[in-house]
Amino acid sequence: MSNDEHKRQVLRALEKYLLKDPSRTNISGVSELGLVEMTRKRTQESLEHILCETCCTCNGRGSLKTAETVCYEIFRDIIRESRQFESTRFMVLVSPEVGDRIIDEESTTVAELEEFIGKSIKFQVETSYTQEQFDVVLM
């Protein structure tokens, strides 16, 4: 639309119909590209919020820590707890994915960690645990 009067007619027609809308609206005018710019106050929760729920695995982050990352978190927790508390050994409850990683690729690291802290570490797979979930139990 190159005619300014036509632009005003479109805006007036839009304003007329928006009077019926219970939400507050604000019309900024016609942009350089010929688009009508407007804002409308949200009156409801978003469709995503209504129709979806937070992922129980990632808590809404949209990503999971890898089994490798969780293994290193476990190793750091064991070191921290071995310095803070007296125990003779550790039992670590892990998800199946992390358990597989520890057996297949981290067994050397576990042996080195046992030697470093001077205590044995046992791992128990919990099938109900998510990949990021683990518990370090002092024994």
N, C-alpha and C. Protein backbone atom coordinates (compact mmCIF):
# COMPACT_ATOMS: atom_id res chain seq x y z
N MET A 1 0.84 -1.19 0.00
CA MET A 1 0.00 0.00 0.00
C MET A 1 0.88 1.24 0.00
N SER A 2 0.72 2.01 -1.01
CA SER A 2 1.49 3.25 -1.09
C SER A 2 0.66 4.46 -0.66
N ASN A 3 -0.65 4.33 -0.68
CA ASN A 3 -1.53 5.43 -0.33
C ASN A 3 -1.71 5.48 1.19
N ASP A 4 -1.38 6.60 1.81
CA ASP A 4 -1.49 6.74 3.27
C ASP A 4 -2.93 6.62 3.74
N GLU A 5 -3.89 7.08 2.95
CA GLU A 5 -5.30 6.98 3.34
C GLU A 5 -5.74 5.53 3.44
N HIS A 6 -5.25 4.70 2.54
CA HIS A 6 -5.58 3.27 2.58
C HIS A 6 -5.00 2.62 3.85
N LYS A 7 -3.79 3.03 4.20
CA LYS A 7 -3.18 2.51 5.44
C LYS A 7 -4.03 2.88 6.65
N ARG A 8 -4.49 4.14 6.70
CA ARG A 8 -5.32 4.59 7.84
C ARG A 8 -6.63 3.82 7.87
N GLN A 9 -7.23 3.53 6.71
CA GLN A 9 -8.48 2.77 6.68
C GLN A 9 -8.28 1.36 7.24
N VAL A 10 -7.16 0.74 6.88
CA VAL A 10 -6.87 -0.60 7.40
C VAL A 10 -6.70 -0.55 8.92
N LEU A 11 -5.96 0.44 9.41
CA LEU A 11 -5.76 0.56 10.86
C LEU A 11 -7.07 0.82 11.58
N ARG A 12 -7.94 1.68 11.04
CA ARG A 12 -9.23 1.96 11.68
C ARG A 12 -10.09 0.70 11.72
N ALA A 13 -10.10 -0.07 10.63
CA ALA A 13 -10.88 -1.31 10.60
C ALA A 13 -10.35 -2.30 11.64
N LEU A 14 -9.05 -2.41 11.74
CA LEU A 14 -8.45 -3.29 12.74
C LEU A 14 -8.80 -2.84 14.15
N GLU A 15 -8.68 -1.54 14.42
CA GLU A 15 -9.03 -1.00 15.74
C GLU A 15 -10.48 -1.27 16.07
N LYS A 16 -11.37 -1.14 15.08
CA LYS A 16 -12.80 -1.38 15.29
C LYS A 16 -13.04 -2.82 15.74
N TYR A 17 -12.42 -3.79 15.08
CA TYR A 17 -12.61 -5.19 15.43
C TYR A 17 -11.91 -5.55 16.74
N LEU A 18 -10.83 -4.87 17.04
CA LEU A 18 -10.12 -5.16 18.30
C LEU A 18 -10.87 -4.63 19.51
N LEU A 19 -11.81 -3.72 19.32
CA LEU A 19 -12.63 -3.24 20.44
C LEU A 19 -13.43 -4.38 21.05
N LYS A 20 -13.75 -5.40 20.27
CA LYS A 20 -14.50 -6.57 20.74
C LYS A 20 -13.62 -7.53 21.53
N ASP A 21 -12.31 -7.41 21.36
CA ASP A 21 -11.36 -8.30 22.02
C ASP A 21 -11.20 -7.89 23.48
N PRO A 22 -11.41 -8.79 24.44
CA PRO A 22 -11.28 -8.42 25.85
C PRO A 22 -9.84 -8.14 26.29
N SER A 23 -8.87 -8.59 25.51
CA SER A 23 -7.47 -8.35 25.86
C SER A 23 -7.05 -6.96 25.42
N ARG A 24 -6.15 -6.40 26.19
CA ARG A 24 -5.63 -5.08 25.85
C ARG A 24 -4.68 -5.21 24.65
N THR A 25 -4.87 -4.37 23.66
CA THR A 25 -4.03 -4.38 22.48
C THR A 25 -3.44 -2.99 22.24
N ASN A 26 -2.33 -2.98 21.56
CA ASN A 26 -1.69 -1.72 21.22
C ASN A 26 -1.21 -1.82 19.78
N ILE A 27 -1.70 -0.93 18.93
CA ILE A 27 -1.32 -0.93 17.52
C ILE A 27 -0.30 0.18 17.31
N SER A 28 0.86 -0.20 16.78
CA SER A 28 1.94 0.77 16.57
C SER A 28 1.86 1.44 15.22
N GLY A 29 1.19 0.84 14.27
CA GLY A 29 1.10 1.42 12.94
C GLY A 29 1.63 0.47 11.90
N VAL A 30 1.81 0.99 10.71
CA VAL A 30 2.29 0.19 9.59
C VAL A 30 3.80 0.39 9.48
N SER A 31 4.52 -0.71 9.41
CA SER A 31 5.99 -0.63 9.33
C SER A 31 6.44 -0.26 7.92
N GLU A 32 7.74 -0.09 7.75
CA GLU A 32 8.32 0.21 6.44
C GLU A 32 8.06 -0.91 5.43
N LEU A 33 7.88 -2.12 5.95
CA LEU A 33 7.62 -3.27 5.07
C LEU A 33 6.14 -3.44 4.75
N GLY A 34 5.31 -2.55 5.31
CA GLY A 34 3.88 -2.63 5.06
C GLY A 34 3.15 -3.57 6.00
N LEU A 35 3.78 -3.93 7.10
CA LEU A 35 3.18 -4.82 8.09
C LEU A 35 2.59 -3.99 9.23
N VAL A 36 1.45 -4.46 9.76
CA VAL A 36 0.85 -3.79 10.91
C VAL A 36 1.51 -4.35 12.16
N GLU A 37 2.07 -3.46 12.97
CA GLU A 37 2.74 -3.87 14.21
C GLU A 37 1.77 -3.68 15.37
N MET A 38 1.61 -4.74 16.17
CA MET A 38 0.72 -4.64 17.32
C MET A 38 1.16 -5.59 18.42
N THR A 39 0.72 -5.29 19.63
CA THR A 39 0.95 -6.17 20.77
C THR A 39 -0.39 -6.52 21.36
N ARG A 40 -0.45 -7.67 22.01
CA ARG A 40 -1.70 -8.11 22.63
C ARG A 40 -1.34 -8.74 23.96
N LYS A 41 -2.02 -8.31 25.01
CA LYS A 41 -1.75 -8.84 26.35
C LYS A 41 -2.22 -10.28 26.42
N ARG A 42 -1.35 -11.14 26.93
CA ARG A 42 -1.68 -12.55 27.09
C ARG A 42 -2.70 -12.69 28.23
N THR A 43 -3.76 -13.45 27.99
CA THR A 43 -4.77 -13.63 29.02
C THR A 43 -4.78 -15.04 29.58
N GLN A 44 -4.10 -15.95 28.92
CA GLN A 44 -4.04 -17.34 29.38
C GLN A 44 -2.59 -17.78 29.44
N GLU A 45 -2.40 -18.96 30.03
CA GLU A 45 -1.08 -19.56 30.01
C GLU A 45 -0.79 -20.01 28.57
N SER A 46 0.47 -20.16 28.24
CA SER A 46 0.83 -20.58 26.89
C SER A 46 0.32 -22.00 26.63
N LEU A 47 0.14 -22.33 25.35
CA LEU A 47 -0.31 -23.67 25.00
C LEU A 47 0.68 -24.73 25.47
N GLU A 48 1.96 -24.40 25.39
CA GLU A 48 2.97 -25.35 25.86
C GLU A 48 2.75 -25.65 27.34
N HIS A 49 2.48 -24.62 28.12
CA HIS A 49 2.28 -24.81 29.55
C HIS A 49 1.01 -25.61 29.84
N ILE A 50 -0.01 -25.41 29.03
CA ILE A 50 -1.28 -26.11 29.22
C ILE A 50 -1.20 -27.56 28.77
N LEU A 51 -0.57 -27.79 27.61
CA LEU A 51 -0.59 -29.11 27.00
C LEU A 51 0.60 -30.00 27.34
N CYS A 52 1.64 -29.44 27.92
CA CYS A 52 2.86 -30.21 28.17
C CYS A 52 3.20 -30.22 29.65
N GLU A 53 4.06 -31.13 30.02
CA GLU A 53 4.57 -31.17 31.39
C GLU A 53 6.09 -31.28 31.35
N THR A 54 6.71 -30.93 32.43
CA THR A 54 8.17 -30.94 32.50
C THR A 54 8.69 -32.36 32.42
N CYS A 55 9.71 -32.55 31.64
CA CYS A 55 10.35 -33.85 31.48
C CYS A 55 10.92 -34.30 32.82
N CYS A 56 10.58 -35.51 33.24
CA CYS A 56 11.06 -35.99 34.54
C CYS A 56 12.53 -36.39 34.48
N THR A 57 13.08 -36.55 33.30
CA THR A 57 14.47 -36.95 33.17
C THR A 57 15.41 -35.75 33.19
N CYS A 58 15.07 -34.71 32.42
CA CYS A 58 15.98 -33.55 32.33
C CYS A 58 15.46 -32.34 33.09
N ASN A 59 14.28 -32.44 33.70
CA ASN A 59 13.66 -31.33 34.45
C ASN A 59 13.48 -30.09 33.59
N GLY A 60 13.13 -30.28 32.36
CA GLY A 60 12.82 -29.16 31.48
C GLY A 60 14.01 -28.50 30.83
N ARG A 61 15.20 -29.02 31.04
CA ARG A 61 16.39 -28.41 30.43
C ARG A 61 16.48 -28.72 28.95
N GLY A 62 15.95 -29.86 28.54
CA GLY A 62 16.03 -30.25 27.14
C GLY A 62 17.28 -31.02 26.79
N SER A 63 18.07 -31.39 27.77
CA SER A 63 19.26 -32.19 27.51
C SER A 63 19.59 -33.01 28.75
N LEU A 64 20.32 -34.10 28.52
CA LEU A 64 20.75 -34.98 29.61
C LEU A 64 22.27 -34.96 29.69
N LYS A 65 22.77 -35.10 30.91
CA LYS A 65 24.22 -35.27 31.07
C LYS A 65 24.57 -36.65 30.53
N THR A 66 25.72 -36.75 29.91
CA THR A 66 26.16 -38.04 29.39
C THR A 66 26.53 -38.96 30.56
N ALA A 67 26.58 -40.25 30.27
CA ALA A 67 27.00 -41.21 31.29
C ALA A 67 28.41 -40.89 31.77
N GLU A 68 29.27 -40.45 30.85
CA GLU A 68 30.64 -40.07 31.21
C GLU A 68 30.65 -38.91 32.20
N THR A 69 29.85 -37.90 31.94
CA THR A 69 29.78 -36.74 32.84
C THR A 69 29.29 -37.16 34.23
N VAL A 70 28.28 -38.02 34.27
CA VAL A 70 27.76 -38.49 35.55
C VAL A 70 28.83 -39.29 36.29
N CYS A 71 29.60 -40.09 35.58
CA CYS A 71 30.69 -40.85 36.22
C CYS A 71 31.67 -39.90 36.92
N TYR A 72 32.05 -38.83 36.24
CA TYR A 72 32.99 -37.88 36.84
C TYR A 72 32.37 -37.14 38.02
N GLU A 73 31.07 -36.88 37.97
CA GLU A 73 30.40 -36.29 39.14
C GLU A 73 30.46 -37.26 40.32
N ILE A 74 30.23 -38.52 40.05
CA ILE A 74 30.30 -39.54 41.10
C ILE A 74 31.70 -39.59 41.70
N PHE A 75 32.72 -39.60 40.87
CA PHE A 75 34.09 -39.65 41.36
C PHE A 75 34.41 -38.44 42.24
N ARG A 76 33.95 -37.26 41.83
CA ARG A 76 34.18 -36.05 42.65
C ARG A 76 33.45 -36.15 43.99
N ASP A 77 32.21 -36.66 43.96
CA ASP A 77 31.46 -36.83 45.21
C ASP A 77 32.15 -37.81 46.15
N ILE A 78 32.67 -38.89 45.61
CA ILE A 78 33.36 -39.88 46.45
C ILE A 78 34.59 -39.25 47.10
N ILE A 79 35.37 -38.51 46.34
CA ILE A 79 36.55 -37.84 46.91
C ILE A 79 36.13 -36.87 48.00
N ARG A 80 35.12 -36.06 47.73
CA ARG A 80 34.65 -35.07 48.70
C ARG A 80 34.14 -35.75 49.98
N GLU A 81 33.35 -36.80 49.82
CA GLU A 81 32.80 -37.48 51.00
C GLU A 81 33.86 -38.27 51.76
N SER A 82 34.86 -38.79 51.06
CA SER A 82 35.93 -39.52 51.76
C SER A 82 36.74 -38.58 52.64
N ARG A 83 36.81 -37.30 52.27
CA ARG A 83 37.54 -36.31 53.07
C ARG A 83 36.70 -35.80 54.23
N GLN A 84 35.39 -35.78 54.06
CA GLN A 84 34.50 -35.21 55.08
C GLN A 84 34.06 -36.23 56.12
N PHE A 85 33.87 -37.48 55.73
CA PHE A 85 33.26 -38.46 56.62
C PHE A 85 34.13 -39.70 56.76
N GLU A 86 34.01 -40.34 57.91
CA GLU A 86 34.71 -41.60 58.15
C GLU A 86 33.84 -42.74 57.65
N SER A 87 34.40 -43.57 56.82
CA SER A 87 33.70 -44.76 56.35
C SER A 87 34.75 -45.78 55.94
N THR A 88 34.33 -47.03 55.87
CA THR A 88 35.27 -48.08 55.47
C THR A 88 35.18 -48.38 53.99
N ARG A 89 33.99 -48.13 53.41
CA ARG A 89 33.80 -48.36 51.98
C ARG A 89 32.62 -47.55 51.48
N PHE A 90 32.46 -47.53 50.17
CA PHE A 90 31.37 -46.79 49.53
C PHE A 90 30.53 -47.74 48.68
N MET A 91 29.23 -47.48 48.70
CA MET A 91 28.29 -48.15 47.79
C MET A 91 27.67 -47.04 46.96
N VAL A 92 27.71 -47.18 45.64
CA VAL A 92 27.17 -46.15 44.75
C VAL A 92 26.04 -46.78 43.94
N LEU A 93 24.87 -46.19 44.06
CA LEU A 93 23.70 -46.64 43.31
C LEU A 93 23.63 -45.80 42.03
N VAL A 94 23.56 -46.48 40.88
CA VAL A 94 23.62 -45.78 39.59
C VAL A 94 22.57 -46.33 38.63
N SER A 95 22.34 -45.58 37.57
CA SER A 95 21.45 -46.02 36.50
C SER A 95 22.15 -47.10 35.67
N PRO A 96 21.39 -47.88 34.91
CA PRO A 96 22.02 -48.91 34.07
C PRO A 96 23.05 -48.35 33.09
N GLU A 97 22.77 -47.17 32.51
CA GLU A 97 23.70 -46.58 31.54
C GLU A 97 25.03 -46.22 32.20
N VAL A 98 24.96 -45.64 33.38
CA VAL A 98 26.18 -45.26 34.09
C VAL A 98 26.91 -46.51 34.59
N GLY A 99 26.15 -47.51 35.03
CA GLY A 99 26.76 -48.76 35.45
C GLY A 99 27.54 -49.42 34.32
N ASP A 100 26.95 -49.41 33.13
CA ASP A 100 27.65 -49.97 31.96
C ASP A 100 28.93 -49.19 31.67
N ARG A 101 28.85 -47.89 31.75
CA ARG A 101 30.02 -47.03 31.49
C ARG A 101 31.13 -47.33 32.49
N ILE A 102 30.77 -47.48 33.76
CA ILE A 102 31.78 -47.73 34.80
C ILE A 102 32.46 -49.08 34.58
N ILE A 103 31.68 -50.09 34.23
CA ILE A 103 32.24 -51.43 34.01
C ILE A 103 33.11 -51.46 32.75
N ASP A 104 32.60 -50.87 31.67
CA ASP A 104 33.29 -50.96 30.38
C ASP A 104 34.49 -50.03 30.24
N GLU A 105 34.31 -48.76 30.63
CA GLU A 105 35.32 -47.77 30.28
C GLU A 105 35.97 -47.06 31.47
N GLU A 106 35.42 -47.18 32.64
CA GLU A 106 35.96 -46.44 33.78
C GLU A 106 36.52 -47.35 34.88
N SER A 107 36.67 -48.64 34.59
CA SER A 107 37.14 -49.56 35.64
C SER A 107 38.54 -49.20 36.12
N THR A 108 39.40 -48.76 35.23
CA THR A 108 40.74 -48.34 35.63
C THR A 108 40.68 -47.12 36.53
N THR A 109 39.83 -46.17 36.18
CA THR A 109 39.67 -44.96 37.00
C THR A 109 39.14 -45.31 38.38
N VAL A 110 38.21 -46.26 38.45
CA VAL A 110 37.66 -46.68 39.75
C VAL A 110 38.77 -47.31 40.60
N ALA A 111 39.59 -48.15 39.99
CA ALA A 111 40.69 -48.78 40.72
C ALA A 111 41.67 -47.73 41.24
N GLU A 112 41.98 -46.73 40.41
CA GLU A 112 42.88 -45.66 40.84
C GLU A 112 42.25 -44.83 41.97
N LEU A 113 40.95 -44.61 41.88
CA LEU A 113 40.25 -43.84 42.92
C LEU A 113 40.24 -44.62 44.24
N GLU A 114 40.01 -45.93 44.19
CA GLU A 114 40.04 -46.75 45.39
C GLU A 114 41.41 -46.68 46.06
N GLU A 115 42.44 -46.75 45.27
CA GLU A 115 43.79 -46.66 45.81
C GLU A 115 44.05 -45.27 46.40
N PHE A 116 43.57 -44.23 45.73
CA PHE A 116 43.78 -42.85 46.19
C PHE A 116 43.10 -42.59 47.54
N ILE A 117 41.86 -43.06 47.71
CA ILE A 117 41.13 -42.79 48.96
C ILE A 117 41.35 -43.89 50.00
N GLY A 118 41.89 -45.00 49.59
CA GLY A 118 42.17 -46.10 50.52
C GLY A 118 40.93 -46.83 50.97
N LYS A 119 39.89 -46.84 50.17
CA LYS A 119 38.63 -47.51 50.52
C LYS A 119 38.07 -48.18 49.27
N SER A 120 37.30 -49.25 49.49
CA SER A 120 36.70 -49.94 48.35
C SER A 120 35.41 -49.24 47.93
N ILE A 121 35.12 -49.35 46.65
CA ILE A 121 33.91 -48.74 46.08
C ILE A 121 33.16 -49.82 45.32
N LYS A 122 31.93 -50.03 45.68
CA LYS A 122 31.06 -50.99 44.98
C LYS A 122 29.95 -50.23 44.28
N PHE A 123 29.55 -50.72 43.14
CA PHE A 123 28.49 -50.09 42.36
C PHE A 123 27.30 -51.04 42.25
N GLN A 124 26.12 -50.47 42.40
CA GLN A 124 24.89 -51.26 42.28
C GLN A 124 23.96 -50.55 41.30
N VAL A 125 23.50 -51.28 40.30
CA VAL A 125 22.61 -50.70 39.29
C VAL A 125 21.18 -50.69 39.82
N GLU A 126 20.55 -49.53 39.70
CA GLU A 126 19.15 -49.36 40.05
C GLU A 126 18.39 -49.07 38.76
N THR A 127 17.55 -50.00 38.34
CA THR A 127 16.86 -49.84 37.06
C THR A 127 15.88 -48.68 37.06
N SER A 128 15.44 -48.24 38.22
CA SER A 128 14.48 -47.13 38.28
C SER A 128 15.16 -45.76 38.21
N TYR A 129 16.48 -45.72 38.28
CA TYR A 129 17.21 -44.44 38.24
C TYR A 129 17.31 -43.92 36.81
N THR A 130 17.20 -42.61 36.66
CA THR A 130 17.45 -41.98 35.37
C THR A 130 18.96 -41.87 35.19
N GLN A 131 19.39 -41.53 33.98
CA GLN A 131 20.81 -41.49 33.68
C GLN A 131 21.58 -40.53 34.59
N GLU A 132 20.96 -39.43 34.99
CA GLU A 132 21.64 -38.43 35.81
C GLU A 132 21.56 -38.72 37.31
N GLN A 133 20.80 -39.70 37.69
CA GLN A 133 20.53 -39.95 39.11
C GLN A 133 21.54 -40.96 39.68
N PHE A 134 22.05 -40.64 40.87
CA PHE A 134 22.93 -41.57 41.57
C PHE A 134 22.92 -41.21 43.05
N ASP A 135 23.34 -42.17 43.87
CA ASP A 135 23.48 -41.96 45.31
C ASP A 135 24.77 -42.59 45.78
N VAL A 136 25.54 -41.84 46.56
CA VAL A 136 26.77 -42.36 47.16
C VAL A 136 26.45 -42.65 48.61
N VAL A 137 26.58 -43.92 49.00
CA VAL A 137 26.23 -44.36 50.36
C VAL A 137 27.52 -44.69 51.11
N LEU A 138 27.68 -44.10 52.29
CA LEU A 138 28.84 -44.40 53.14
C LEU A 138 28.54 -45.68 53.92
N MET A 139 29.54 -46.56 54.00
CA MET A 139 29.32 -47.81 54.73
C MET A 139 30.44 -48.01 55.75
